Amino acid sequence: MSLDEQIGQAVSDRAAMFAAQEAVSGPVTLEQALARAFKYNLQHRQTVMERALEDSLLDVSKQDLLPKLTTRAGLRTRSNTQASVSESVATGNVSLEPSTSQERTSGTADVQLSWNILDFGLSYYGAKSQANRILAAEERRRRVVLALSEQVRAAWWEAVTADRLRPQVDAILTQAREVLAYAEQTERQRLLPPLDALRFQKAMLEIVQQLEAVDAELAVAKSQLASLMNLPPGSEYRLAVPAEVQLAVPAMPLRLDALERVAMVKRPEIREEAYLARNAAAEARSALLRLLPGANLYAGLNYDTNSYLVNQDWADAGVQVTWNLFTLLNWSKVKQANAARMEVAEARRLALRMAVLTQVNLAWHRYGRATTLFTRAAALQDVEQRILSNTESAALSEAQTRLERVRAAASALLATRARDRAYAEVQNALGSVYASAGLDPLPEVVEGADVDALAAAIAQVGRDLEQGKVVVPDFAPLAVPQQVEQPASDIPAGQIVASQQAIPGLDTILKLAATE
């Protein structure tokens, strides 16, 4: 490709990447971010198109089940007459003068309907395998949806933290840089002893370094979310930032054993593997079918323009059986290969189920750990805020230096950042629990295809999950010596404080964990 062709393709691809998308209007909620990702994310759109491709291939496979209807036509000519004589076998004498029964120029045409029973059987199993591949493609799409929902949830909460803290970071960073400049001035003018001046500068440099690191992290948060929503780089949009009093630990309505049972039947990886195992069985039957004889049924209409023929048009029909007898030598080997294929499929399925169970348990314990860390971070943030308040009050009476005021403000900001990130981890861990159990964030049927309709459907699914409206399969849980439930926080529920507000819902979780 020439450089101009590559540039033209890049320009057209960039336009296609963001074409036919609804413009962002108003603050973006978590549900709207998820809806935009599901609707416009290119990775998800690729899986949808792959699913449509498998549908098309199924239509092609079905055509192979039909008999073959072939037509032929031809024209034949030669430079001289096709004549022949007869010779006696006994005497060698020529018994006839040269004669012909074929015109120099003649045309032929025929229509023939044929049906090979062996090919029909192979095509039948091929169509069934293609149907299973369609279902497997749908499960791959679900897997992308679950992974995408986790990424969007994490990026959205990170961006929310950035929006909430960015003004505070800018203000405190400005103060810190001013105090740093003052510290450098005290050294130059020898207003403090050299060692005290250097320690002053070191303290301020460390504070500035921490604040600049936080500022750099916050700067890229919205860009990551925009990428997941398939917005052009550098797009400006607002987020629906929740108030600090809304930072309540979400409830977990399902027990661990219920999540395990749901995951055993809902995880897209397991369902995809089940469809692929069907194909392994179909392939085994096809391998045995190829060892059988093939019977070809045919019937057709024929026409020949040769005037020497008594009947220039005729119909014919017949049956032809072919069988490669050497294939019988492979019968035992084919059976052994099919048995090995089925054993591999079963071993792969069992290994996958074990991996799914492990992921569910890890996600469960991650959620329990995240709630504990959030309660600690919330308590620490509350203490840092009170320290900052006392420091600012003391500063009014000149009891505290500028360094202490900036240090207290930076510590309070970092504690708020840690609390918000801990809460984001709680939300991400909850989403990981649902994803590991295979609980889709989208309903099977959505009324409307616009972003608002998708966001409303996602919000309804979230409310149903919070209320425990999940169909749990009824079969016996794993028989283990002792099943560890969600670890409870070692802080009493009545003492957990976030932004000087009690965290609703956490006491229920702690009581449930203690009961279990």
Protein backbone atom coordinates (compact mmCIF):
# COMPACT_ATOMS: atom_id res chain seq x y z
CA MET A 1 0.00 0.00 0.00
CA SER A 2 1.24 3.46 -0.82
CA LEU A 3 1.52 6.18 1.79
CA ASP A 4 -1.54 7.97 0.38
CA GLU A 5 -3.57 4.76 0.62
CA GLN A 6 -2.51 4.22 4.22
CA ILE A 7 -3.38 7.81 5.13
CA GLY A 8 -6.75 7.51 3.44
CA GLN A 9 -7.51 4.28 5.27
CA ALA A 10 -6.49 5.83 8.59
CA VAL A 11 -8.76 8.84 8.00
CA SER A 12 -11.75 6.69 7.04
CA ASP A 13 -11.18 4.28 9.95
CA ARG A 14 -10.99 7.13 12.45
CA ALA A 15 -14.26 8.52 11.16
CA ALA A 16 -15.88 5.06 11.35
CA MET A 17 -14.66 4.51 14.91
CA PHE A 18 -16.81 7.31 16.29
CA ALA A 19 -19.60 7.45 13.71
CA ALA A 20 -23.32 7.26 14.60
CA GLN A 21 -22.85 7.76 18.34
CA GLU A 22 -25.19 9.66 20.61
CA ALA A 23 -23.65 12.85 21.94
CA VAL A 24 -22.99 13.04 25.68
CA SER A 25 -25.56 15.32 27.29
CA GLY A 26 -25.53 15.96 31.01
CA PRO A 27 -23.55 14.23 33.74
CA VAL A 28 -22.63 10.60 33.03
CA THR A 29 -23.82 8.11 35.64
CA LEU A 30 -22.31 4.68 36.14
CA GLU A 31 -25.25 3.08 34.34
CA GLN A 32 -24.88 5.46 31.39
CA ALA A 33 -21.16 4.73 31.22
CA LEU A 34 -21.92 1.01 31.11
CA ALA A 35 -24.60 1.54 28.47
CA ARG A 36 -22.23 3.53 26.26
CA ALA A 37 -19.55 0.88 26.63
CA PHE A 38 -21.94 -1.94 25.71
CA LYS A 39 -23.33 0.01 22.76
CA TYR A 40 -20.23 1.64 21.29
CA ASN A 41 -17.13 -0.15 22.62
CA LEU A 42 -15.34 -1.56 19.60
CA GLN A 43 -14.31 -4.79 21.29
CA HIS A 44 -17.92 -5.54 22.18
CA ARG A 45 -19.09 -4.57 18.70
CA GLN A 46 -16.55 -7.02 17.30
CA THR A 47 -18.03 -9.89 19.30
CA VAL A 48 -21.54 -8.92 18.14
CA MET A 49 -20.36 -9.02 14.52
CA GLU A 50 -18.67 -12.37 15.08
CA ARG A 51 -21.98 -13.68 16.39
CA ALA A 52 -23.72 -12.42 13.23
CA LEU A 53 -21.02 -14.06 11.11
CA GLU A 54 -21.67 -17.43 12.78
CA ASP A 55 -25.37 -16.99 12.00
CA SER A 56 -24.54 -16.48 8.34
CA LEU A 57 -22.30 -19.53 8.30
CA LEU A 58 -25.17 -21.60 9.71
CA ASP A 59 -27.33 -20.60 6.76
CA VAL A 60 -24.54 -21.75 4.46
CA SER A 61 -24.24 -25.05 6.34
CA LYS A 62 -27.95 -25.71 5.98
CA GLN A 63 -27.63 -25.45 2.21
CA ASP A 64 -25.26 -28.42 2.25
CA LEU A 65 -28.14 -30.62 3.46
CA LEU A 66 -30.04 -30.18 0.19
CA PRO A 67 -29.53 -32.45 -2.85
CA LYS A 68 -27.32 -31.18 -5.65
CA LEU A 69 -29.10 -29.96 -8.77
CA THR A 70 -26.60 -29.53 -11.59
CA THR A 71 -27.05 -28.43 -15.18
CA ARG A 72 -24.63 -28.92 -18.05
CA ALA A 73 -24.54 -27.82 -21.67
CA GLY A 74 -21.89 -28.27 -24.34
CA LEU A 75 -21.08 -27.90 -28.01
CA ARG A 76 -18.81 -30.35 -29.87
CA THR A 77 -17.40 -30.09 -33.39
CA ARG A 78 -14.65 -31.80 -35.42
CA SER A 79 -12.88 -31.23 -38.76
CA ASN A 80 -14.02 -34.46 -40.46
CA THR A 81 -16.63 -37.13 -40.10
CA GLN A 82 -16.31 -39.63 -37.27
CA ALA A 83 -16.66 -42.88 -39.28
CA SER A 84 -15.84 -46.47 -38.37
CA VAL A 85 -15.89 -50.02 -39.83
CA SER A 86 -16.29 -53.49 -38.31
CA GLU A 87 -13.79 -56.31 -38.54
CA SER A 88 -14.54 -59.97 -38.08
CA VAL A 89 -12.78 -61.46 -35.10
CA ALA A 90 -12.60 -64.91 -36.68
CA THR A 91 -11.44 -64.07 -40.21
CA GLY A 92 -10.18 -60.53 -39.95
CA ASN A 93 -12.29 -59.41 -42.92
CA VAL A 94 -13.90 -56.00 -42.94
CA SER A 95 -17.62 -56.69 -42.70
CA LEU A 96 -19.03 -53.20 -43.26
CA GLU A 97 -18.22 -50.17 -45.29
CA PRO A 98 -17.29 -47.03 -43.31
CA SER A 99 -20.28 -45.53 -41.54
CA THR A 100 -21.00 -42.86 -38.95
CA SER A 101 -23.57 -42.23 -36.23
CA GLN A 102 -22.25 -38.89 -35.02
CA GLU A 103 -22.63 -35.48 -36.62
CA ARG A 104 -19.59 -33.30 -37.04
CA THR A 105 -21.20 -30.66 -34.85
CA SER A 106 -23.59 -31.51 -32.02
CA GLY A 107 -24.76 -30.04 -28.72
CA THR A 108 -25.70 -31.66 -25.44
CA ALA A 109 -27.61 -30.53 -22.36
CA ASP A 110 -28.71 -32.27 -19.17
CA VAL A 111 -30.16 -31.56 -15.75
CA GLN A 112 -29.29 -33.98 -12.93
CA LEU A 113 -30.48 -34.23 -9.34
CA SER A 114 -28.13 -36.17 -7.07
CA TRP A 115 -28.10 -36.90 -3.37
CA ASN A 116 -25.23 -38.54 -1.53
CA ILE A 117 -26.47 -40.05 1.72
CA LEU A 118 -23.01 -40.01 3.32
CA ASP A 119 -22.51 -36.34 2.45
CA PHE A 120 -25.94 -35.59 3.89
CA GLY A 121 -24.97 -37.20 7.20
CA LEU A 122 -21.70 -35.29 7.35
CA SER A 123 -23.47 -32.04 6.47
CA TYR A 124 -26.06 -32.71 9.17
CA TYR A 125 -23.40 -32.95 11.87
CA GLY A 126 -21.62 -29.96 10.35
CA ALA A 127 -24.78 -27.86 10.65
CA LYS A 128 -25.26 -28.95 14.27
CA SER A 129 -21.66 -28.01 15.01
CA GLN A 130 -22.16 -24.61 13.41
CA ALA A 131 -25.28 -24.07 15.54
CA ASN A 132 -23.20 -24.83 18.62
CA ARG A 133 -20.57 -22.36 17.43
CA ILE A 134 -23.27 -19.69 17.28
CA LEU A 135 -24.16 -20.37 20.91
CA ALA A 136 -20.47 -20.38 21.83
CA ALA A 137 -20.04 -17.00 20.08
CA GLU A 138 -22.91 -15.62 22.17
CA GLU A 139 -21.16 -16.78 25.34
CA ARG A 140 -17.95 -15.11 24.20
CA ARG A 141 -19.94 -11.92 23.78
CA ARG A 142 -21.27 -12.31 27.34
CA ARG A 143 -17.73 -12.83 28.57
CA VAL A 144 -16.65 -9.56 26.95
CA VAL A 145 -19.67 -7.83 28.52
CA LEU A 146 -18.72 -9.06 32.00
CA ALA A 147 -15.07 -8.05 31.58
CA LEU A 148 -16.08 -4.70 30.13
CA SER A 149 -18.46 -4.00 33.00
CA GLU A 150 -15.64 -4.55 35.49
CA GLN A 151 -13.32 -2.22 33.60
CA VAL A 152 -15.96 0.51 33.23
CA ARG A 153 -16.95 0.28 36.90
CA ALA A 154 -13.32 0.66 38.01
CA ALA A 155 -12.63 3.52 35.58
CA TRP A 156 -15.85 5.35 36.49
CA TRP A 157 -15.15 5.34 40.21
CA GLU A 158 -11.56 6.41 39.57
CA ALA A 159 -12.83 9.29 37.42
CA VAL A 160 -15.39 10.24 40.08
CA THR A 161 -12.61 10.44 42.63
CA ALA A 162 -10.65 12.64 40.25
CA ASP A 163 -13.60 14.99 39.71
CA ARG A 164 -14.24 15.29 43.44
CA LEU A 165 -10.63 15.84 44.49
CA ARG A 166 -9.17 17.74 41.54
CA PRO A 167 -10.08 21.26 42.86
CA GLN A 168 -8.73 20.42 46.31
CA VAL A 169 -5.53 19.00 44.82
CA ASP A 170 -4.97 22.12 42.73
CA ALA A 171 -5.54 24.43 45.71
CA ILE A 172 -3.33 22.53 48.15
CA LEU A 173 -0.65 21.99 45.50
CA THR A 174 -0.55 25.75 44.89
CA GLN A 175 -0.14 26.39 48.61
CA ALA A 176 2.55 23.73 48.87
CA ARG A 177 4.56 25.23 46.02
CA GLU A 178 4.32 28.68 47.61
CA VAL A 179 5.56 27.30 50.93
CA LEU A 180 8.33 25.44 49.08
CA ALA A 181 9.45 28.70 47.50
CA TYR A 182 9.35 30.31 50.96
CA ALA A 183 11.48 27.44 52.32
CA GLU A 184 14.07 28.01 49.61
CA GLN A 185 14.06 31.72 50.43
CA THR A 186 14.68 31.06 54.11
CA GLU A 187 17.77 29.06 53.18
CA ARG A 188 19.12 31.76 50.89
CA GLN A 189 18.47 34.54 53.40
CA ARG A 190 19.67 32.38 56.32
CA LEU A 191 16.48 33.05 58.30
CA LEU A 192 16.81 29.57 59.79
CA PRO A 193 19.77 27.42 60.71
CA PRO A 194 21.03 25.57 57.59
CA LEU A 195 19.97 22.13 58.83
CA ASP A 196 16.49 23.32 59.81
CA ALA A 197 16.11 25.06 56.45
CA LEU A 198 17.07 21.90 54.57
CA ARG A 199 14.68 19.80 56.63
CA PHE A 200 11.99 22.37 55.91
CA GLN A 201 12.65 22.06 52.17
CA LYS A 202 12.74 18.26 52.33
CA ALA A 203 9.37 18.12 54.07
CA MET A 204 7.81 20.42 51.51
CA LEU A 205 9.37 18.57 48.58
CA GLU A 206 7.94 15.30 49.84
CA ILE A 207 4.49 16.86 50.17
CA VAL A 208 4.70 18.41 46.69
CA GLN A 209 5.89 15.10 45.25
CA GLN A 210 2.94 13.23 46.77
CA LEU A 211 0.45 15.82 45.57
CA GLU A 212 1.90 15.87 42.05
CA ALA A 213 1.67 12.06 41.91
CA VAL A 214 -2.00 12.24 42.90
CA ASP A 215 -2.56 15.00 40.34
CA ALA A 216 -0.99 12.86 37.59
CA GLU A 217 -3.20 9.90 38.49
CA LEU A 218 -6.33 12.01 38.44
CA ALA A 219 -5.42 13.58 35.10
CA VAL A 220 -5.69 10.28 33.18
CA ALA A 221 -8.77 8.84 34.95
CA LYS A 222 -11.39 10.43 32.69
CA SER A 223 -9.35 9.60 29.58
CA GLN A 224 -9.43 5.90 30.48
CA LEU A 225 -13.19 6.02 31.00
CA ALA A 226 -13.66 7.89 27.71
CA SER A 227 -11.73 5.17 25.91
CA LEU A 228 -14.00 2.45 27.32
CA MET A 229 -17.07 4.45 26.28
CA ASN A 230 -15.52 4.86 22.79
CA LEU A 231 -15.42 8.64 23.02
CA PRO A 232 -12.79 10.46 20.96
CA PRO A 233 -9.59 11.20 22.91
CA GLY A 234 -9.74 14.55 24.65
CA SER A 235 -13.55 14.62 24.80
CA GLU A 236 -14.97 16.84 27.50
CA TYR A 237 -17.80 15.41 29.58
CA ARG A 238 -19.12 15.64 33.13
CA LEU A 239 -19.70 12.89 35.67
CA ALA A 240 -22.59 12.48 38.07
CA VAL A 241 -20.42 12.63 41.19
CA PRO A 242 -22.21 11.15 44.24
CA ALA A 243 -22.08 13.05 47.51
CA GLU A 244 -19.78 11.84 50.26
CA VAL A 245 -22.76 10.92 52.43
CA GLN A 246 -23.75 8.39 49.75
CA LEU A 247 -20.58 6.34 50.20
CA ALA A 248 -22.41 3.42 51.77
CA VAL A 249 -21.13 -0.13 51.51
CA PRO A 250 -23.46 -1.99 49.10
CA ALA A 251 -25.22 -5.01 50.49
CA MET A 252 -24.34 -8.54 49.40
CA PRO A 253 -27.65 -10.44 49.31
CA LEU A 254 -26.26 -13.83 48.23
CA ARG A 255 -24.33 -16.42 50.20
CA LEU A 256 -21.10 -17.88 48.93
CA ASP A 257 -22.60 -21.31 48.21
CA ALA A 258 -25.43 -19.65 46.23
CA LEU A 259 -22.89 -17.72 44.15
CA GLU A 260 -21.00 -20.94 43.46
CA ARG A 261 -24.16 -22.67 42.24
CA VAL A 262 -25.08 -19.72 40.05
CA ALA A 263 -21.57 -19.65 38.58
CA MET A 264 -21.76 -23.36 37.71
CA VAL A 265 -24.59 -22.69 35.25
CA LYS A 266 -24.25 -19.00 34.36
CA ARG A 267 -20.57 -18.42 33.70
CA PRO A 268 -20.10 -17.90 29.94
CA GLU A 269 -16.84 -19.85 29.91
CA ILE A 270 -18.56 -22.98 31.24
CA ARG A 271 -21.47 -22.65 28.84
CA GLU A 272 -19.13 -22.08 25.92
CA GLU A 273 -17.18 -25.17 26.89
CA ALA A 274 -20.42 -27.17 26.99
CA TYR A 275 -21.21 -26.17 23.41
CA LEU A 276 -17.68 -27.00 22.30
CA ALA A 277 -18.03 -30.41 24.00
CA ARG A 278 -21.14 -30.99 21.89
CA ASN A 279 -19.02 -30.31 18.83
CA ALA A 280 -16.47 -32.83 20.04
CA ALA A 281 -19.22 -35.45 20.19
CA ALA A 282 -20.49 -34.44 16.74
CA GLU A 283 -16.97 -34.65 15.35
CA ALA A 284 -16.61 -38.14 16.81
CA ARG A 285 -19.82 -39.27 15.07
CA SER A 286 -18.66 -37.70 11.82
CA ALA A 287 -15.36 -39.58 12.03
CA LEU A 288 -17.24 -42.88 12.38
CA LEU A 289 -19.66 -41.95 9.61
CA ARG A 290 -16.79 -41.45 7.17
CA LEU A 291 -15.95 -45.14 7.55
CA LEU A 292 -19.31 -46.23 6.10
CA PRO A 293 -20.06 -46.74 2.40
CA GLY A 294 -21.47 -43.85 0.44
CA ALA A 295 -24.65 -44.24 -1.61
CA ASN A 296 -25.34 -41.70 -4.34
CA LEU A 297 -28.88 -41.44 -5.75
CA TYR A 298 -29.31 -39.59 -9.01
CA ALA A 299 -31.93 -38.79 -11.63
CA GLY A 300 -31.73 -36.52 -14.64
CA LEU A 301 -33.02 -35.32 -18.00
CA ASN A 302 -30.75 -35.38 -21.05
CA TYR A 303 -30.85 -33.95 -24.57
CA ASP A 304 -28.52 -34.38 -27.57
CA THR A 305 -28.83 -32.63 -30.96
CA ASN A 306 -27.23 -35.60 -32.81
CA SER A 307 -29.73 -36.39 -35.58
CA TYR A 308 -28.49 -40.00 -35.90
CA LEU A 309 -29.93 -40.82 -32.48
CA VAL A 310 -33.31 -42.47 -32.46
CA ASN A 311 -34.12 -40.77 -29.12
CA GLN A 312 -32.56 -37.36 -28.80
CA ASP A 313 -33.98 -36.78 -25.30
CA TRP A 314 -34.23 -39.22 -22.44
CA ALA A 315 -34.39 -39.53 -18.65
CA ASP A 316 -32.18 -41.70 -16.48
CA ALA A 317 -31.92 -42.62 -12.82
CA GLY A 318 -29.78 -44.87 -10.69
CA VAL A 319 -27.89 -45.52 -7.51
CA GLN A 320 -24.16 -45.89 -6.98
CA VAL A 321 -22.49 -47.29 -3.88
CA THR A 322 -18.80 -46.74 -3.12
CA TRP A 323 -16.87 -48.01 -0.16
CA ASN A 324 -13.19 -47.79 0.54
CA LEU A 325 -12.64 -51.07 2.35
CA PHE A 326 -9.28 -49.95 3.68
CA THR A 327 -11.11 -47.52 5.97
CA LEU A 328 -12.24 -50.54 8.01
CA LEU A 329 -8.64 -50.93 9.12
CA ASN A 330 -8.93 -47.57 10.89
CA TRP A 331 -12.10 -48.43 12.81
CA SER A 332 -10.38 -49.17 16.13
CA LYS A 333 -8.02 -46.21 15.78
CA VAL A 334 -10.91 -43.84 15.08
CA LYS A 335 -12.79 -45.14 18.11
CA GLN A 336 -9.73 -44.66 20.30
CA ALA A 337 -9.23 -41.13 18.97
CA ASN A 338 -12.89 -40.30 19.63
CA ALA A 339 -12.66 -41.64 23.18
CA ALA A 340 -9.52 -39.56 23.78
CA ARG A 341 -11.27 -36.49 22.32
CA MET A 342 -14.19 -36.91 24.72
CA GLU A 343 -11.86 -37.45 27.69
CA VAL A 344 -9.98 -34.25 26.84
CA ALA A 345 -13.25 -32.33 26.60
CA GLU A 346 -14.35 -33.65 29.99
CA ALA A 347 -10.99 -32.87 31.60
CA ARG A 348 -11.06 -29.35 30.16
CA ARG A 349 -14.59 -28.83 31.47
CA LEU A 350 -13.69 -30.01 34.97
CA ALA A 351 -10.57 -27.83 35.05
CA LEU A 352 -12.64 -24.85 33.94
CA ARG A 353 -15.25 -25.47 36.63
CA MET A 354 -12.50 -25.60 39.25
CA ALA A 355 -11.09 -22.31 37.96
CA VAL A 356 -14.55 -20.73 38.13
CA LEU A 357 -15.08 -21.89 41.71
CA THR A 358 -11.69 -20.45 42.62
CA GLN A 359 -12.54 -17.12 41.02
CA VAL A 360 -15.86 -16.93 42.88
CA ASN A 361 -14.17 -17.57 46.21
CA LEU A 362 -11.37 -15.09 45.50
CA ALA A 363 -13.89 -12.43 44.49
CA TRP A 364 -15.92 -13.12 47.65
CA HIS A 365 -12.92 -12.72 49.93
CA ARG A 366 -11.77 -9.68 47.97
CA TYR A 367 -15.13 -8.06 48.68
CA GLY A 368 -14.87 -8.86 52.38
CA ARG A 369 -11.35 -7.49 52.55
CA ALA A 370 -12.35 -4.37 50.62
CA THR A 371 -15.14 -3.54 53.07
CA THR A 372 -12.71 -3.86 55.98
CA LEU A 373 -10.13 -1.61 54.30
CA PHE A 374 -12.80 0.95 53.49
CA THR A 375 -13.94 1.17 57.10
CA ARG A 376 -10.33 1.75 58.16
CA ALA A 377 -9.78 4.35 55.46
CA ALA A 378 -13.05 6.11 56.36
CA ALA A 379 -12.08 6.25 60.04
CA LEU A 380 -8.59 7.55 59.17
CA GLN A 381 -10.05 10.19 56.85
CA ASP A 382 -12.34 11.39 59.61
CA VAL A 383 -9.38 11.70 62.00
CA GLU A 384 -7.31 13.57 59.39
CA GLN A 385 -10.17 16.00 58.78
CA ARG A 386 -10.40 16.76 62.51
CA ILE A 387 -6.63 17.22 62.69
CA LEU A 388 -6.86 19.67 59.79
CA SER A 389 -9.67 21.56 61.50
CA ASN A 390 -7.69 21.84 64.73
CA THR A 391 -4.55 22.87 62.83
CA GLU A 392 -6.38 25.63 60.97
CA SER A 393 -7.88 26.88 64.25
CA ALA A 394 -4.46 26.94 65.86
CA ALA A 395 -3.00 28.69 62.82
CA LEU A 396 -5.35 31.60 63.34
CA SER A 397 -3.63 32.24 66.67
CA GLU A 398 -0.19 31.69 65.01
CA ALA A 399 0.35 28.56 67.05
CA GLN A 400 1.14 26.55 63.95
CA THR A 401 3.56 27.27 61.12
CA ARG A 402 2.71 27.36 57.42
CA LEU A 403 4.44 24.02 57.02
CA GLU A 404 2.14 22.34 59.52
CA ARG A 405 -0.95 23.81 57.88
CA VAL A 406 0.07 22.56 54.44
CA ARG A 407 1.14 19.21 55.86
CA ALA A 408 -2.20 18.75 57.61
CA ALA A 409 -4.12 19.76 54.47
CA ALA A 410 -2.08 17.36 52.32
CA SER A 411 -2.52 14.52 54.81
CA ALA A 412 -6.28 15.12 54.90
CA LEU A 413 -6.39 15.16 51.10
CA LEU A 414 -4.39 11.95 50.81
CA ALA A 415 -6.64 10.32 53.41
CA THR A 416 -9.70 11.37 51.42
CA ARG A 417 -8.07 9.98 48.30
CA ALA A 418 -7.35 6.71 50.10
CA ARG A 419 -10.92 6.53 51.38
CA ASP A 420 -12.39 7.15 47.94
CA ARG A 421 -10.11 4.57 46.37
CA ALA A 422 -11.04 2.09 49.09
CA TYR A 423 -14.71 2.70 48.37
CA ALA A 424 -14.06 2.29 44.66
CA GLU A 425 -12.38 -1.02 45.48
CA VAL A 426 -15.52 -2.07 47.38
CA GLN A 427 -17.64 -1.31 44.32
CA ASN A 428 -15.15 -3.03 42.02
CA ALA A 429 -15.00 -6.07 44.29
CA LEU A 430 -18.79 -6.27 44.30
CA GLY A 431 -18.80 -6.12 40.51
CA SER A 432 -16.12 -8.81 40.45
CA VAL A 433 -18.33 -11.03 42.62
CA TYR A 434 -21.23 -10.65 40.22
CA ALA A 435 -18.98 -11.15 37.19
CA SER A 436 -17.35 -14.26 38.64
CA ALA A 437 -20.85 -15.70 39.20
CA GLY A 438 -21.81 -14.93 35.58
CA LEU A 439 -24.58 -12.48 36.51
CA ASP A 440 -25.13 -10.28 33.47
CA PRO A 441 -25.42 -6.51 33.95
CA LEU A 442 -27.88 -6.44 31.04
CA PRO A 443 -31.31 -8.10 30.89
CA GLU A 444 -32.09 -10.56 28.10
CA VAL A 445 -34.55 -8.13 26.50
CA VAL A 446 -34.12 -4.35 26.46
CA GLU A 447 -36.92 -2.07 25.34
CA GLY A 448 -35.22 0.48 23.15
CA ALA A 449 -31.65 0.69 21.87
CA ASP A 450 -30.67 4.22 22.90
CA VAL A 451 -28.25 4.95 25.74
CA ASP A 452 -30.94 6.06 28.19
CA ALA A 453 -32.97 2.87 27.66
CA LEU A 454 -29.88 0.71 28.16
CA ALA A 455 -28.92 2.70 31.27
CA ALA A 456 -32.42 2.25 32.74
CA ALA A 457 -32.27 -1.49 32.09
CA ILE A 458 -28.81 -1.73 33.69
CA ALA A 459 -30.04 0.22 36.72
CA GLN A 460 -33.00 -2.13 37.10
CA VAL A 461 -30.73 -5.18 36.94
CA GLY A 462 -28.52 -3.58 39.62
CA ARG A 463 -31.52 -3.03 41.90
CA ASP A 464 -32.63 -6.63 41.38
CA LEU A 465 -29.17 -7.89 42.30
CA GLU A 466 -29.09 -5.75 45.45
CA GLN A 467 -32.44 -7.23 46.46
CA GLY A 468 -31.25 -10.77 45.80
CA LYS A 469 -33.63 -11.39 42.89
CA VAL A 470 -31.45 -14.08 41.37
CA VAL A 471 -32.58 -17.57 40.38
CA VAL A 472 -30.25 -19.88 42.28
CA PRO A 473 -30.04 -23.43 40.86
CA ASP A 474 -31.25 -26.04 43.32
CA PHE A 475 -28.51 -28.60 43.72
CA ALA A 476 -26.32 -29.64 46.61
CA PRO A 477 -23.35 -27.36 47.33
CA LEU A 478 -19.82 -28.66 47.51
CA ALA A 479 -19.09 -30.99 50.37
CA VAL A 480 -16.21 -29.28 52.13
CA PRO A 481 -15.14 -29.54 55.78
CA GLN A 482 -15.85 -25.86 56.47
CA GLN A 483 -16.88 -23.11 54.12
CA VAL A 484 -15.46 -19.73 55.00
CA GLU A 485 -17.95 -16.90 54.66
CA GLN A 486 -17.19 -13.22 54.16
CA PRO A 487 -14.69 -12.06 56.80
CA ALA A 488 -16.22 -9.50 59.12
CA SER A 489 -14.49 -6.26 59.99
CA ASP A 490 -12.96 -6.10 63.45
CA ILE A 491 -14.44 -2.61 63.92
CA PRO A 492 -17.86 -2.58 65.61
CA ALA A 493 -20.58 -1.60 63.16
CA GLY A 494 -21.68 1.33 65.32
CA GLN A 495 -18.22 2.91 65.18
CA ILE A 496 -17.78 2.94 61.42
CA VAL A 497 -17.83 6.52 60.20
CA ALA A 498 -17.51 7.90 56.67
CA SER A 499 -17.53 11.67 56.30
CA GLN A 500 -18.99 11.96 59.82
CA GLN A 501 -21.95 9.80 58.71
CA ALA A 502 -22.71 6.20 59.66
CA ILE A 503 -22.33 3.78 56.76
CA PRO A 504 -25.76 2.18 56.22
CA GLY A 505 -25.91 -1.49 55.28
CA LEU A 506 -22.55 -2.50 56.75
CA ASP A 507 -24.01 -3.64 60.07
CA THR A 508 -26.27 -6.04 58.18
CA ILE A 509 -23.29 -7.49 56.34
CA LEU A 510 -21.32 -7.91 59.55
CA LYS A 511 -24.22 -9.59 61.31
CA LEU A 512 -24.75 -11.90 58.35
CA ALA A 513 -21.06 -12.82 58.25
CA ALA A 514 -21.02 -13.45 61.99
CA THR A 515 -24.17 -15.61 61.75
CA GLU A 516 -22.82 -17.65 58.89
